[in-house]
Amino acid sequence: MNIESFSNNLVRSNILNTYVATAFFGSMIYFTINSNLYTPIEMLFGVIFSTIFFKGIGNIMFSLVIALFNLQNQEDEIAFDRLSTKVDGLLNDLALQESKLKSTNS
């Protein structure tokens, strides 16, 4: 459940699309600046293949982020919340018992 919500939030953030678009425009600028070194067909294939390459690298990074997502922190936080509510309940019960004892002793 936590991994699904994390991955959905990561997909919705569009960081992968931003990365690929940046790589696309970077390769376009590179081939435009160095246009005297490349033929137009080499520039076209260079832009296409570099975009595909960066899309693959982006997907690998995305899958690694999801695979290396650590659930131990969330489990510890849930356990801490559960125990803190139990402790709060016990403290409230103790306060009620003390107030009952004080009212009966007065």
Protein backbone atom coordinates (compact mmCIF):
# COMPACT_ATOMS: atom_id res chain seq x y z
CA MET A 1 0.00 0.00 0.00
CA ASN A 2 2.75 2.47 0.90
CA ILE A 3 4.83 1.54 -2.13
CA GLU A 4 1.82 1.93 -4.42
CA SER A 5 1.00 5.39 -3.10
CA PHE A 6 4.67 6.37 -3.23
CA SER A 7 5.04 5.21 -6.83
CA ASN A 8 1.77 6.89 -7.84
CA ASN A 9 2.97 10.16 -6.31
CA LEU A 10 6.29 9.78 -8.12
CA VAL A 11 4.55 9.18 -11.46
CA ARG A 12 2.20 12.14 -10.90
CA SER A 13 5.12 14.45 -10.17
CA ASN A 14 6.19 14.18 -13.85
CA ILE A 15 9.85 14.32 -12.88
CA LEU A 16 10.60 11.55 -15.39
CA ASN A 17 9.02 13.51 -18.24
CA THR A 18 10.92 16.63 -17.20
CA TYR A 19 14.16 14.65 -17.22
CA VAL A 20 13.51 13.26 -20.71
CA ALA A 21 12.45 16.66 -22.06
CA THR A 22 15.61 18.25 -20.65
CA ALA A 23 17.73 15.55 -22.28
CA PHE A 24 15.88 16.02 -25.58
CA PHE A 25 16.42 19.77 -25.64
CA GLY A 26 20.01 19.36 -24.47
CA SER A 27 20.76 17.02 -27.34
CA MET A 28 18.99 19.39 -29.75
CA ILE A 29 21.17 22.26 -28.56
CA TYR A 30 24.28 20.09 -28.78
CA PHE A 31 23.58 19.07 -32.37
CA THR A 32 22.60 22.62 -33.32
CA ILE A 33 25.84 24.06 -31.95
CA ASN A 34 27.93 21.33 -33.60
CA SER A 35 25.98 21.30 -36.86
CA ASN A 36 29.13 21.68 -38.93
CA LEU A 37 30.34 18.27 -37.64
CA TYR A 38 27.18 16.25 -38.36
CA THR A 39 24.93 15.69 -41.37
CA PRO A 40 21.20 16.32 -40.90
CA ILE A 41 20.41 12.59 -40.82
CA GLU A 42 23.08 12.03 -38.14
CA MET A 43 21.56 14.85 -36.10
CA LEU A 44 18.09 13.37 -36.47
CA PHE A 45 19.20 9.89 -35.42
CA GLY A 46 21.37 11.36 -32.67
CA VAL A 47 18.44 13.24 -31.15
CA ILE A 48 16.12 10.23 -31.43
CA PHE A 49 18.59 7.73 -29.98
CA SER A 50 19.76 10.03 -27.20
CA THR A 51 16.13 10.67 -26.21
CA ILE A 52 15.42 6.93 -26.17
CA PHE A 53 18.61 6.36 -24.17
CA PHE A 54 17.71 8.99 -21.57
CA LYS A 55 14.15 7.66 -21.36
CA GLY A 56 15.61 4.21 -20.57
CA ILE A 57 17.97 5.68 -17.97
CA GLY A 58 15.04 7.56 -16.46
CA ASN A 59 12.97 4.37 -16.22
CA ILE A 60 15.90 2.56 -14.60
CA MET A 61 16.26 5.35 -12.03
CA PHE A 62 12.51 5.31 -11.43
CA SER A 63 12.48 1.54 -10.84
CA LEU A 64 15.51 1.77 -8.53
CA VAL A 65 13.86 4.48 -6.46
CA ILE A 66 10.79 2.28 -6.03
CA ALA A 67 12.83 -0.88 -5.40
CA LEU A 68 15.05 0.80 -2.82
CA PHE A 69 12.14 2.51 -1.06
CA ASN A 70 12.51 1.57 2.59
CA LEU A 71 9.34 0.60 4.42
CA GLN A 72 11.09 0.22 7.78
CA ASN A 73 10.62 3.91 8.59
CA GLN A 74 6.89 3.74 7.90
CA GLU A 75 6.52 0.56 9.98
CA ASP A 76 8.40 2.18 12.87
CA GLU A 77 6.23 5.29 12.62
CA ILE A 78 3.03 3.24 12.62
CA ALA A 79 4.23 1.20 15.60
CA PHE A 80 5.21 4.39 17.44
CA ASP A 81 1.78 5.92 16.80
CA ARG A 82 0.04 2.75 17.99
CA LEU A 83 2.12 2.60 21.17
CA SER A 84 1.74 6.31 21.86
CA THR A 85 -2.06 6.02 21.68
CA LYS A 86 -1.92 3.07 24.09
CA VAL A 87 0.29 5.04 26.48
CA ASP A 88 -2.02 8.07 26.25
CA GLY A 89 -5.01 5.84 27.03
CA LEU A 90 -3.25 4.31 30.03
CA LEU A 91 -2.25 7.76 31.31
CA ASN A 92 -5.85 8.94 30.98
CA ASP A 93 -7.06 5.89 32.91
CA LEU A 94 -4.47 6.56 35.61
CA ALA A 95 -5.55 10.20 35.87
CA LEU A 96 -9.19 9.10 36.20
CA GLN A 97 -8.30 6.61 38.94
CA GLU A 98 -6.29 9.25 40.83
CA SER A 99 -9.16 11.74 40.60
CA LYS A 100 -11.57 9.08 41.90
CA LEU A 101 -9.25 8.35 44.81
CA LYS A 102 -8.92 12.04 45.65
CA SER A 103 -12.68 12.55 45.51
CA THR A 104 -13.33 9.55 47.78
CA ASN A 105 -10.61 10.63 50.26
CA SER A 106 -11.94 14.18 50.58
